[in-house]
Amino acid sequence: MSSAREKIYEPGVVNPGLPAPASTTSFWHSDPHPLANHQAPWPVVPVDVVVIGSGITAMSLARTLLRKSPNLAVVIIEARSLCSGATGRNGGHCKTMTFANWVDRKQCFGVREACRITELEHAHLDAMAAAIHEDGVACDLVMTEGVDAYFDQASFDRAVRALKDMKAYLPQIAAKHKIYTDKEHIKKTLKLSESCVGAVTIPAASLWPYKWVTGVLGR
């Protein structure tokens, strides 16, 4: 999967609208959590925090708040069942797009801020794994390697230039990436088609997001 945005979508935010009244059932919900449709009584007194949604962001926020202040009154509201939105429909392929976005970030925010954003982005993988292990949640976590495959020479060349430029400022992060142009290696080891002109590998992970989120919120 290439991190290049060309011919995929125009950069920007698309309003997803309200949840569809008759949505499809996600494979990742094939074994619903026992509390998937739990509804607590609506609070009759003011609460400290209301979290809208019950996906990975909501879970992370609630988890962090309650660890720091266990006595906080936190309410999570969801349009459908627990973790029924984008997180619960996600196959759990987790990797960064840092080098693909490096040039844009440097131009928009300057080198210093681009470095901070990149460091934050790369910190997520280890932080996520640490949280899963700390909570003891069985969510099929596997630390692995992600592959960005390029089938257009111009896009691949831009990616390589961006990675080399990023290396000048963040060598420790750039070192986690590997560039491949050898056709035999691309085909036999990376299992990519002959039309692939190059690839970049990066640290990644795979997991079952629904199991992770419900494993934490279910408690």
C-alpha atoms as a PDB file:
ATOM      1  CA  MET A   1       0.000   0.000   0.000  1.00  0.00           C
ATOM      2  CA  SER A   2       1.487   3.288  -1.031  1.00  0.00           C
ATOM      3  CA  SER A   3       1.461   6.339   1.207  1.00  0.00           C
ATOM      4  CA  ALA A   4       1.361   8.549  -1.879  1.00  0.00           C
ATOM      5  CA  ARG A   5      -1.916  10.437  -2.097  1.00  0.00           C
ATOM      6  CA  GLU A   6      -1.829  10.981  -5.842  1.00  0.00           C
ATOM      7  CA  LYS A   7      -4.923   9.677  -7.685  1.00  0.00           C
ATOM      8  CA  ILE A   8      -6.450   8.484  -4.387  1.00  0.00           C
ATOM      9  CA  TYR A   9      -8.138  11.493  -2.842  1.00  0.00           C
ATOM     10  CA  GLU A  10      -7.811  15.220  -2.615  1.00  0.00           C
ATOM     11  CA  PRO A  11      -6.358  16.383   0.710  1.00  0.00           C
ATOM     12  CA  GLY A  12      -9.015  17.716   3.029  1.00  0.00           C
ATOM     13  CA  VAL A  13     -11.740  16.758   5.435  1.00  0.00           C
ATOM     14  CA  VAL A  14     -14.865  15.004   4.232  1.00  0.00           C
ATOM     15  CA  ASN A  15     -17.952  15.216   6.432  1.00  0.00           C
ATOM     16  CA  PRO A  16     -19.071  11.606   7.008  1.00  0.00           C
ATOM     17  CA  GLY A  17     -22.605  12.682   7.889  1.00  0.00           C
ATOM     18  CA  LEU A  18     -24.883  10.897  10.338  1.00  0.00           C
ATOM     19  CA  PRO A  19     -24.722   7.114  10.780  1.00  0.00           C
ATOM     20  CA  ALA A  20     -26.698   5.251   8.126  1.00  0.00           C
ATOM     21  CA  PRO A  21     -29.951   3.780   9.513  1.00  0.00           C
ATOM     22  CA  ALA A  22     -29.326   0.363   7.933  1.00  0.00           C
ATOM     23  CA  SER A  23     -25.594  -0.257   8.036  1.00  0.00           C
ATOM     24  CA  THR A  24     -23.836  -3.468   7.085  1.00  0.00           C
ATOM     25  CA  THR A  25     -22.477  -5.767   9.784  1.00  0.00           C
ATOM     26  CA  SER A  26     -18.707  -5.662  10.022  1.00  0.00           C
ATOM     27  CA  PHE A  27     -16.755  -8.914  10.109  1.00  0.00           C
ATOM     28  CA  TRP A  28     -14.852  -7.555  13.102  1.00  0.00           C
ATOM     29  CA  HIS A  29     -18.151  -7.538  15.022  1.00  0.00           C
ATOM     30  CA  SER A  30     -18.752 -11.250  14.337  1.00  0.00           C
ATOM     31  CA  ASP A  31     -18.233 -11.971  18.054  1.00  0.00           C
ATOM     32  CA  PRO A  32     -19.884  -8.985  19.805  1.00  0.00           C
ATOM     33  CA  HIS A  33     -18.685  -7.963  23.237  1.00  0.00           C
ATOM     34  CA  PRO A  34     -21.147  -8.866  26.057  1.00  0.00           C
ATOM     35  CA  LEU A  35     -21.616  -5.144  26.740  1.00  0.00           C
ATOM     36  CA  ALA A  36     -21.965  -4.195  23.063  1.00  0.00           C
ATOM     37  CA  ASN A  37     -25.515  -2.898  23.579  1.00  0.00           C
ATOM     38  CA  HIS A  38     -25.223  -1.879  27.213  1.00  0.00           C
ATOM     39  CA  GLN A  39     -27.103   1.267  28.218  1.00  0.00           C
ATOM     40  CA  ALA A  40     -26.602   2.755  31.644  1.00  0.00           C
ATOM     41  CA  PRO A  41     -29.302   5.034  33.090  1.00  0.00           C
ATOM     42  CA  TRP A  42     -28.933   8.606  31.853  1.00  0.00           C
ATOM     43  CA  PRO A  43     -27.163  10.682  34.542  1.00  0.00           C
ATOM     44  CA  VAL A  44     -29.472  12.758  36.707  1.00  0.00           C
ATOM     45  CA  VAL A  45     -26.618  14.853  38.105  1.00  0.00           C
ATOM     46  CA  PRO A  46     -23.890  16.757  36.215  1.00  0.00           C
ATOM     47  CA  VAL A  47     -20.885  14.713  35.079  1.00  0.00           C
ATOM     48  CA  ASP A  48     -17.296  15.800  34.603  1.00  0.00           C
ATOM     49  CA  VAL A  49     -16.690  14.587  31.050  1.00  0.00           C
ATOM     50  CA  VAL A  50     -18.899  13.433  28.170  1.00  0.00           C
ATOM     51  CA  VAL A  51     -17.059  11.522  25.443  1.00  0.00           C
ATOM     52  CA  ILE A  52     -18.829  11.304  22.089  1.00  0.00           C
ATOM     53  CA  GLY A  53     -18.155   8.007  20.348  1.00  0.00           C
ATOM     54  CA  SER A  54     -16.639   4.746  21.581  1.00  0.00           C
ATOM     55  CA  GLY A  55     -13.779   4.088  19.187  1.00  0.00           C
ATOM     56  CA  ILE A  56     -10.036   4.147  19.717  1.00  0.00           C
ATOM     57  CA  THR A  57      -9.864   7.890  20.440  1.00  0.00           C
ATOM     58  CA  ALA A  58     -12.720   7.727  22.949  1.00  0.00           C
ATOM     59  CA  MET A  59     -11.247   4.676  24.648  1.00  0.00           C
ATOM     60  CA  SER A  60      -7.798   6.254  24.886  1.00  0.00           C
ATOM     61  CA  LEU A  61      -9.241   9.466  26.322  1.00  0.00           C
ATOM     62  CA  ALA A  62     -11.409   7.701  28.904  1.00  0.00           C
ATOM     63  CA  ARG A  63      -8.554   5.364  29.861  1.00  0.00           C
ATOM     64  CA  THR A  64      -6.138   8.254  30.373  1.00  0.00           C
ATOM     65  CA  LEU A  65      -8.590  10.439  32.304  1.00  0.00           C
ATOM     66  CA  LEU A  66      -9.621   7.681  34.704  1.00  0.00           C
ATOM     67  CA  ARG A  67      -6.023   6.610  35.302  1.00  0.00           C
ATOM     68  CA  LYS A  68      -5.105  10.164  36.244  1.00  0.00           C
ATOM     69  CA  SER A  69      -8.333  10.912  38.161  1.00  0.00           C
ATOM     70  CA  PRO A  70     -10.195   7.700  39.103  1.00  0.00           C
ATOM     71  CA  ASN A  71     -13.038   9.651  40.714  1.00  0.00           C
ATOM     72  CA  LEU A  72     -14.004  11.513  37.551  1.00  0.00           C
ATOM     73  CA  ALA A  73     -17.574  10.970  36.366  1.00  0.00           C
ATOM     74  CA  VAL A  74     -17.172  10.045  32.700  1.00  0.00           C
ATOM     75  CA  VAL A  75     -20.023   9.272  30.304  1.00  0.00           C
ATOM     76  CA  ILE A  76     -19.498   7.744  26.859  1.00  0.00           C
ATOM     77  CA  ILE A  77     -22.309   8.119  24.330  1.00  0.00           C
ATOM     78  CA  GLU A  78     -22.532   6.209  21.061  1.00  0.00           C
ATOM     79  CA  ALA A  79     -24.974   6.288  18.147  1.00  0.00           C
ATOM     80  CA  ARG A  80     -25.142   2.512  17.867  1.00  0.00           C
ATOM     81  CA  SER A  81     -23.420  -0.330  19.698  1.00  0.00           C
ATOM     82  CA  LEU A  82     -20.064  -0.217  21.455  1.00  0.00           C
ATOM     83  CA  CYS A  83     -17.217   0.586  19.042  1.00  0.00           C
ATOM     84  CA  SER A  84     -19.530   0.394  16.032  1.00  0.00           C
ATOM     85  CA  GLY A  85     -17.949   3.171  13.992  1.00  0.00           C
ATOM     86  CA  ALA A  86     -14.734   3.361  11.984  1.00  0.00           C
ATOM     87  CA  THR A  87     -12.554   1.708  14.660  1.00  0.00           C
ATOM     88  CA  GLY A  88     -14.790  -1.332  14.872  1.00  0.00           C
ATOM     89  CA  ARG A  89     -14.766  -1.696  11.085  1.00  0.00           C
ATOM     90  CA  ASN A  90     -11.002  -1.480  10.834  1.00  0.00           C
ATOM     91  CA  GLY A  91      -8.739  -4.448  10.139  1.00  0.00           C
ATOM     92  CA  GLY A  92      -6.001  -3.049  12.364  1.00  0.00           C
ATOM     93  CA  HIS A  93      -3.135  -2.347   9.952  1.00  0.00           C
ATOM     94  CA  CYS A  94      -1.113   0.292  11.794  1.00  0.00           C
ATOM     95  CA  LYS A  95       1.773   2.201  10.232  1.00  0.00           C
ATOM     96  CA  THR A  96       2.962   5.775   9.790  1.00  0.00           C
ATOM     97  CA  MET A  97       2.941   7.987   6.693  1.00  0.00           C
ATOM     98  CA  THR A  98       5.723  10.172   8.022  1.00  0.00           C
ATOM     99  CA  PHE A  99       8.134  10.295   5.109  1.00  0.00           C
ATOM    100  CA  ALA A 100       5.304  10.665   2.572  1.00  0.00           C
ATOM    101  CA  ASN A 101       4.097  13.764   4.452  1.00  0.00           C
ATOM    102  CA  TRP A 102       7.514  15.100   5.448  1.00  0.00           C
ATOM    103  CA  VAL A 103       7.917  17.697   2.700  1.00  0.00           C
ATOM    104  CA  ASP A 104       4.414  19.106   3.193  1.00  0.00           C
ATOM    105  CA  ARG A 105       4.891  19.271   6.945  1.00  0.00           C
ATOM    106  CA  LYS A 106       8.240  21.013   6.631  1.00  0.00           C
ATOM    107  CA  GLN A 107       6.796  23.587   4.258  1.00  0.00           C
ATOM    108  CA  CYS A 108       3.660  24.184   6.338  1.00  0.00           C
ATOM    109  CA  PHE A 109       5.106  24.160   9.856  1.00  0.00           C
ATOM    110  CA  GLY A 110       8.865  24.558   9.543  1.00  0.00           C
ATOM    111  CA  VAL A 111      11.569  22.028  10.343  1.00  0.00           C
ATOM    112  CA  ARG A 112      11.294  22.146  14.139  1.00  0.00           C
ATOM    113  CA  GLU A 113       7.547  21.535  14.250  1.00  0.00           C
ATOM    114  CA  ALA A 114       7.722  18.949  11.451  1.00  0.00           C
ATOM    115  CA  CYS A 115      10.243  17.027  13.560  1.00  0.00           C
ATOM    116  CA  ARG A 116       7.982  17.192  16.614  1.00  0.00           C
ATOM    117  CA  ILE A 117       4.988  15.914  14.635  1.00  0.00           C
ATOM    118  CA  THR A 118       7.066  13.104  13.155  1.00  0.00           C
ATOM    119  CA  GLU A 119       8.428  12.057  16.552  1.00  0.00           C
ATOM    120  CA  LEU A 120       4.907  12.055  17.992  1.00  0.00           C
ATOM    121  CA  GLU A 121       3.596   9.973  15.113  1.00  0.00           C
ATOM    122  CA  HIS A 122       6.329   7.363  15.483  1.00  0.00           C
ATOM    123  CA  ALA A 123       5.887   7.224  19.251  1.00  0.00           C
ATOM    124  CA  HIS A 124       2.335   5.935  18.818  1.00  0.00           C
ATOM    125  CA  LEU A 125       3.329   2.428  17.768  1.00  0.00           C
ATOM    126  CA  ASP A 126       5.346   1.662  20.895  1.00  0.00           C
ATOM    127  CA  ALA A 127       2.867   3.514  23.142  1.00  0.00           C
ATOM    128  CA  MET A 128      -0.011   1.491  21.710  1.00  0.00           C
ATOM    129  CA  ALA A 129       1.799  -1.814  22.235  1.00  0.00           C
ATOM    130  CA  ALA A 130       2.792  -0.811  25.774  1.00  0.00           C
ATOM    131  CA  ALA A 131      -0.806   0.060  26.675  1.00  0.00           C
ATOM    132  CA  ILE A 132      -2.111  -3.242  25.297  1.00  0.00           C
ATOM    133  CA  HIS A 133       0.480  -5.249  27.243  1.00  0.00           C
ATOM    134  CA  GLU A 134      -0.092  -3.194  30.389  1.00  0.00           C
ATOM    135  CA  ASP A 135      -3.846  -3.829  30.275  1.00  0.00           C
ATOM    136  CA  GLY A 136      -3.410  -7.463  29.281  1.00  0.00           C
ATOM    137  CA  VAL A 137      -5.933  -7.187  26.448  1.00  0.00           C
ATOM    138  CA  ALA A 138      -6.005 -10.060  23.958  1.00  0.00           C
ATOM    139  CA  CYS A 139      -6.453  -8.281  20.629  1.00  0.00           C
ATOM    140  CA  ASP A 140      -4.162 -10.268  18.302  1.00  0.00           C
ATOM    141  CA  LEU A 141      -1.359  -7.680  18.450  1.00  0.00           C
ATOM    142  CA  VAL A 142       1.590  -8.517  16.194  1.00  0.00           C
ATOM    143  CA  MET A 143       4.543  -6.150  15.785  1.00  0.00           C
ATOM    144  CA  THR A 144       5.544  -6.428  12.150  1.00  0.00           C
ATOM    145  CA  GLU A 145       6.830  -4.489   9.131  1.00  0.00           C
ATOM    146  CA  GLY A 146       4.738  -2.377   6.802  1.00  0.00           C
ATOM    147  CA  VAL A 147       5.410  -2.080   3.076  1.00  0.00           C
ATOM    148  CA  ASP A 148       4.740   0.976   0.931  1.00  0.00           C
ATOM    149  CA  ALA A 149       4.720  -0.260  -2.667  1.00  0.00           C
ATOM    150  CA  TYR A 150       5.096   2.153  -5.579  1.00  0.00           C
ATOM    151  CA  PHE A 151       3.980   1.450  -9.118  1.00  0.00           C
ATOM    152  CA  ASP A 152       4.828   4.882 -10.499  1.00  0.00           C
ATOM    153  CA  GLN A 153       8.473   5.926 -10.813  1.00  0.00           C
ATOM    154  CA  ALA A 154       7.818   9.611 -10.187  1.00  0.00           C
ATOM    155  CA  SER A 155       5.921   8.881  -6.949  1.00  0.00           C
ATOM    156  CA  PHE A 156       8.637   6.494  -5.778  1.00  0.00           C
ATOM    157  CA  ASP A 157      11.381   9.016  -6.541  1.00  0.00           C
ATOM    158  CA  ARG A 158       9.531  11.679  -4.523  1.00  0.00           C
ATOM    159  CA  ALA A 159       9.188   9.292  -1.591  1.00  0.00           C
ATOM    160  CA  VAL A 160      12.894   8.439  -1.663  1.00  0.00           C
ATOM    161  CA  ARG A 161      13.875  12.119  -1.811  1.00  0.00           C
ATOM    162  CA  ALA A 162      11.557  12.914   1.095  1.00  0.00           C
ATOM    163  CA  LEU A 163      12.988  10.079   3.170  1.00  0.00           C
ATOM    164  CA  LYS A 164      16.552  11.183   2.483  1.00  0.00           C
ATOM    165  CA  ASP A 165      15.658  14.773   3.389  1.00  0.00           C
ATOM    166  CA  MET A 166      13.996  13.616   6.607  1.00  0.00           C
ATOM    167  CA  LYS A 167      17.173  11.682   7.457  1.00  0.00           C
ATOM    168  CA  ALA A 168      19.109  14.949   7.664  1.00  0.00           C
ATOM    169  CA  TYR A 169      16.924  16.063  10.583  1.00  0.00           C
ATOM    170  CA  LEU A 170      15.700  12.791  12.110  1.00  0.00           C
ATOM    171  CA  PRO A 171      18.319  10.122  11.362  1.00  0.00           C
ATOM    172  CA  GLN A 172      17.103   7.830  14.165  1.00  0.00           C
ATOM    173  CA  ILE A 173      13.611   7.658  12.639  1.00  0.00           C
ATOM    174  CA  ALA A 174      14.758   7.542   9.020  1.00  0.00           C
ATOM    175  CA  ALA A 175      16.941   4.568   9.944  1.00  0.00           C
ATOM    176  CA  LYS A 176      13.788   2.558  10.665  1.00  0.00           C
ATOM    177  CA  HIS A 177      12.899   2.711   6.965  1.00  0.00           C
ATOM    178  CA  LYS A 178      14.413   0.541   4.235  1.00  0.00           C
ATOM    179  CA  ILE A 179      14.345   1.295   0.502  1.00  0.00           C
ATOM    180  CA  TYR A 180      14.097  -1.582  -1.975  1.00  0.00           C
ATOM    181  CA  THR A 181      14.614  -1.400  -5.723  1.00  0.00           C
ATOM    182  CA  ASP A 182      15.894  -4.908  -6.463  1.00  0.00           C
ATOM    183  CA  LYS A 183      13.228  -6.586  -8.608  1.00  0.00           C
ATOM    184  CA  GLU A 184      13.976 -10.094  -7.331  1.00  0.00           C
ATOM    185  CA  HIS A 185      13.694  -9.053  -3.694  1.00  0.00           C
ATOM    186  CA  ILE A 186      10.512  -7.087  -4.380  1.00  0.00           C
ATOM    187  CA  LYS A 187       8.908 -10.039  -6.117  1.00  0.00           C
ATOM    188  CA  LYS A 188      10.138 -13.019  -4.074  1.00  0.00           C
ATOM    189  CA  THR A 189      10.574 -11.594  -0.583  1.00  0.00           C
ATOM    190  CA  LEU A 190       8.075  -8.747  -0.444  1.00  0.00           C
ATOM    191  CA  LYS A 191       5.621 -10.706  -2.630  1.00  0.00           C
ATOM    192  CA  LEU A 192       4.806  -7.722  -4.826  1.00  0.00           C
ATOM    193  CA  SER A 193       3.981  -7.744  -8.531  1.00  0.00           C
ATOM    194  CA  GLU A 194       6.515  -7.217 -11.282  1.00  0.00           C
ATOM    195  CA  SER A 195       5.030  -3.802 -12.024  1.00  0.00           C
ATOM    196  CA  CYS A 196       6.248  -2.489  -8.653  1.00  0.00           C
ATOM    197  CA  VAL A 197       9.111  -0.057  -9.261  1.00  0.00           C
ATOM    198  CA  GLY A 198      10.187   0.248  -5.644  1.00  0.00           C
ATOM    199  CA  ALA A 199       9.156  -0.172  -2.029  1.00  0.00           C
ATOM    200  CA  VAL A 200       9.823   1.300   1.382  1.00  0.00           C
ATOM    201  CA  THR A 201       9.435  -0.762   4.565  1.00  0.00           C
ATOM    202  CA  ILE A 202       8.712   0.687   7.998  1.00  0.00           C
ATOM    203  CA  PRO A 203       7.869  -0.576  11.511  1.00  0.00           C
ATOM    204  CA  ALA A 204       4.195  -1.469  11.771  1.00  0.00           C
ATOM    205  CA  ALA A 205       1.697  -3.547  13.698  1.00  0.00           C
ATOM    206  CA  SER A 206      -1.485  -5.476  13.157  1.00  0.00           C
ATOM    207  CA  LEU A 207      -4.240  -5.956  15.703  1.00  0.00           C
ATOM    208  CA  TRP A 208      -7.997  -6.416  16.134  1.00  0.00           C
ATOM    209  CA  PRO A 209      -9.095  -2.858  17.115  1.00  0.00           C
ATOM    210  CA  TYR A 210     -12.603  -3.910  18.206  1.00  0.00           C
ATOM    211  CA  LYS A 211     -11.145  -6.393  20.685  1.00  0.00           C
ATOM    212  CA  TRP A 212      -8.721  -3.803  22.034  1.00  0.00           C
ATOM    213  CA  VAL A 213     -11.298  -1.047  22.524  1.00  0.00           C
ATOM    214  CA  THR A 214     -14.007  -3.277  23.985  1.00  0.00           C
ATOM    215  CA  GLY A 215     -11.417  -5.072  26.130  1.00  0.00           C
ATOM    216  CA  VAL A 216     -10.616  -1.754  27.821  1.00  0.00           C
ATOM    217  CA  LEU A 217     -14.051  -0.129  27.873  1.00  0.00           C
ATOM    218  CA  GLY A 218     -15.740  -3.352  28.915  1.00  0.00           C
ATOM    219  CA  ARG A 219     -14.039  -3.065  32.298  1.00  0.00           C
END
